[in-house]
Amino acid sequence: MSAEASLLTLLTTTPLFAVGLTLAAYLLGSGLFQRLKRPSWLPAILIAALLLAGR
C-alpha cells in the first residue's frame, strides 16, 4: 500500500474528514452567500447544510 493511499484511508476514516467536509461546505456556502448579495432568506449555514445533505 502506497503512502498516498494510506493517508487517504486515514483521513476518510477519522473525524477529521467530517470536519474538513463541513468547513469546505461552509466556505462554499459563504462564498455563494456573498455573491448573492447576502439574502436574509438564504444564510450561508443553510447553503452548507444543503450541500452536505446532497440536495
N, C-alpha and C. Protein backbone atom coordinates (compact mmCIF):
# COMPACT_ATOMS: atom_id res chain seq x y z
N MET A 1 0.85 -1.18 0.00
CA MET A 1 0.00 0.00 0.00
C MET A 1 0.90 1.24 0.00
N SER A 2 0.63 2.16 -0.90
CA SER A 2 1.45 3.35 -1.00
C SER A 2 1.13 4.33 0.13
N ALA A 3 2.04 5.25 0.33
CA ALA A 3 1.85 6.25 1.39
C ALA A 3 0.64 7.13 1.10
N GLU A 4 0.42 7.41 -0.18
CA GLU A 4 -0.71 8.24 -0.57
C GLU A 4 -2.04 7.55 -0.26
N ALA A 5 -2.11 6.27 -0.55
CA ALA A 5 -3.33 5.50 -0.28
C ALA A 5 -3.58 5.38 1.21
N SER A 6 -2.51 5.18 1.98
CA SER A 6 -2.70 5.05 3.43
C SER A 6 -3.12 6.38 4.05
N LEU A 7 -2.62 7.49 3.52
CA LEU A 7 -3.04 8.80 4.02
C LEU A 7 -4.51 9.04 3.71
N LEU A 8 -4.94 8.68 2.51
CA LEU A 8 -6.34 8.84 2.13
C LEU A 8 -7.24 7.99 3.02
N THR A 9 -6.82 6.76 3.29
CA THR A 9 -7.57 5.88 4.17
C THR A 9 -7.66 6.46 5.58
N LEU A 10 -6.56 6.99 6.06
CA LEU A 10 -6.53 7.59 7.40
C LEU A 10 -7.48 8.78 7.48
N LEU A 11 -7.45 9.65 6.48
CA LEU A 11 -8.28 10.85 6.51
C LEU A 11 -9.77 10.54 6.38
N THR A 12 -10.12 9.52 5.61
CA THR A 12 -11.53 9.23 5.40
C THR A 12 -12.14 8.39 6.52
N THR A 13 -11.33 7.85 7.39
CA THR A 13 -11.86 7.03 8.48
C THR A 13 -11.78 7.71 9.83
N THR A 14 -11.41 8.96 9.86
CA THR A 14 -11.32 9.70 11.12
C THR A 14 -12.31 10.87 11.10
N PRO A 15 -12.60 11.43 12.25
CA PRO A 15 -13.49 12.60 12.29
C PRO A 15 -12.92 13.82 11.55
N LEU A 16 -11.62 13.81 11.28
CA LEU A 16 -11.01 14.92 10.56
C LEU A 16 -11.63 15.10 9.18
N PHE A 17 -12.00 14.03 8.55
CA PHE A 17 -12.64 14.10 7.23
C PHE A 17 -13.98 14.82 7.33
N ALA A 18 -14.78 14.48 8.32
CA ALA A 18 -16.09 15.12 8.50
C ALA A 18 -15.94 16.61 8.81
N VAL A 19 -14.96 16.94 9.63
CA VAL A 19 -14.73 18.35 9.96
C VAL A 19 -14.29 19.11 8.71
N GLY A 20 -13.38 18.54 7.95
CA GLY A 20 -12.92 19.18 6.72
C GLY A 20 -14.04 19.35 5.71
N LEU A 21 -14.87 18.34 5.58
CA LEU A 21 -16.00 18.41 4.66
C LEU A 21 -16.99 19.49 5.08
N THR A 22 -17.24 19.58 6.38
CA THR A 22 -18.15 20.60 6.90
C THR A 22 -17.60 22.00 6.67
N LEU A 23 -16.31 22.20 6.93
CA LEU A 23 -15.70 23.51 6.72
C LEU A 23 -15.70 23.89 5.24
N ALA A 24 -15.42 22.92 4.37
CA ALA A 24 -15.43 23.20 2.94
C ALA A 24 -16.83 23.59 2.47
N ALA A 25 -17.84 22.90 2.97
CA ALA A 25 -19.22 23.22 2.59
C ALA A 25 -19.60 24.61 3.09
N TYR A 26 -19.16 24.95 4.30
CA TYR A 26 -19.47 26.29 4.82
C TYR A 26 -18.78 27.37 4.00
N LEU A 27 -17.53 27.14 3.62
CA LEU A 27 -16.82 28.14 2.82
C LEU A 27 -17.48 28.31 1.45
N LEU A 28 -17.92 27.23 0.84
CA LEU A 28 -18.66 27.35 -0.42
C LEU A 28 -19.98 28.09 -0.22
N GLY A 29 -20.67 27.77 0.87
CA GLY A 29 -21.92 28.46 1.17
C GLY A 29 -21.72 29.94 1.44
N SER A 30 -20.65 30.24 2.13
CA SER A 30 -20.34 31.64 2.44
C SER A 30 -20.01 32.41 1.16
N GLY A 31 -19.27 31.79 0.28
CA GLY A 31 -18.96 32.44 -1.00
C GLY A 31 -20.20 32.70 -1.83
N LEU A 32 -21.08 31.71 -1.88
CA LEU A 32 -22.33 31.87 -2.62
C LEU A 32 -23.21 32.94 -1.97
N PHE A 33 -23.24 32.96 -0.65
CA PHE A 33 -23.99 33.97 0.10
C PHE A 33 -23.51 35.37 -0.26
N GLN A 34 -22.19 35.54 -0.34
CA GLN A 34 -21.62 36.85 -0.70
C GLN A 34 -21.99 37.23 -2.15
N ARG A 35 -21.92 36.24 -3.06
CA ARG A 35 -22.23 36.52 -4.46
C ARG A 35 -23.69 36.89 -4.69
N LEU A 36 -24.56 36.36 -3.85
CA LEU A 36 -25.99 36.66 -3.98
C LEU A 36 -26.38 37.94 -3.23
N LYS A 37 -25.39 38.68 -2.79
CA LYS A 37 -25.59 39.95 -2.08
C LYS A 37 -26.31 39.77 -0.75
N ARG A 38 -25.94 38.72 -0.02
CA ARG A 38 -26.40 38.46 1.35
C ARG A 38 -27.91 38.43 1.54
N PRO A 39 -28.60 37.53 0.88
CA PRO A 39 -30.06 37.46 1.08
C PRO A 39 -30.38 36.93 2.47
N SER A 40 -31.31 37.58 3.16
CA SER A 40 -31.65 37.17 4.52
C SER A 40 -32.38 35.83 4.56
N TRP A 41 -32.98 35.42 3.45
CA TRP A 41 -33.73 34.18 3.40
C TRP A 41 -32.86 32.96 3.11
N LEU A 42 -31.57 33.19 2.79
CA LEU A 42 -30.68 32.09 2.44
C LEU A 42 -29.31 32.28 3.10
N PRO A 43 -29.21 32.02 4.41
CA PRO A 43 -27.93 32.21 5.09
C PRO A 43 -26.90 31.15 4.66
N ALA A 44 -25.65 31.47 4.87
CA ALA A 44 -24.55 30.59 4.45
C ALA A 44 -24.65 29.21 5.10
N ILE A 45 -25.09 29.14 6.34
CA ILE A 45 -25.17 27.85 7.02
C ILE A 45 -26.23 26.96 6.39
N LEU A 46 -27.31 27.55 5.88
CA LEU A 46 -28.33 26.77 5.19
C LEU A 46 -27.79 26.21 3.88
N ILE A 47 -27.03 27.02 3.16
CA ILE A 47 -26.41 26.56 1.92
C ILE A 47 -25.48 25.39 2.22
N ALA A 48 -24.68 25.52 3.28
CA ALA A 48 -23.77 24.44 3.66
C ALA A 48 -24.52 23.18 4.03
N ALA A 49 -25.60 23.32 4.76
CA ALA A 49 -26.39 22.15 5.16
C ALA A 49 -26.98 21.45 3.93
N LEU A 50 -27.45 22.23 2.97
CA LEU A 50 -28.00 21.64 1.74
C LEU A 50 -26.91 20.95 0.92
N LEU A 51 -25.72 21.53 0.90
CA LEU A 51 -24.61 20.88 0.20
C LEU A 51 -24.26 19.54 0.85
N LEU A 52 -24.23 19.52 2.17
CA LEU A 52 -23.88 18.29 2.88
C LEU A 52 -24.98 17.25 2.77
N ALA A 53 -26.22 17.69 2.64
CA ALA A 53 -27.33 16.77 2.51
C ALA A 53 -27.41 16.18 1.10
N GLY A 54 -26.73 16.81 0.16
CA GLY A 54 -26.70 16.30 -1.19
C GLY A 54 -27.90 16.68 -2.04
N ARG A 55 -28.51 17.77 -1.71
CA ARG A 55 -29.67 18.22 -2.49
C ARG A 55 -29.37 19.48 -3.23
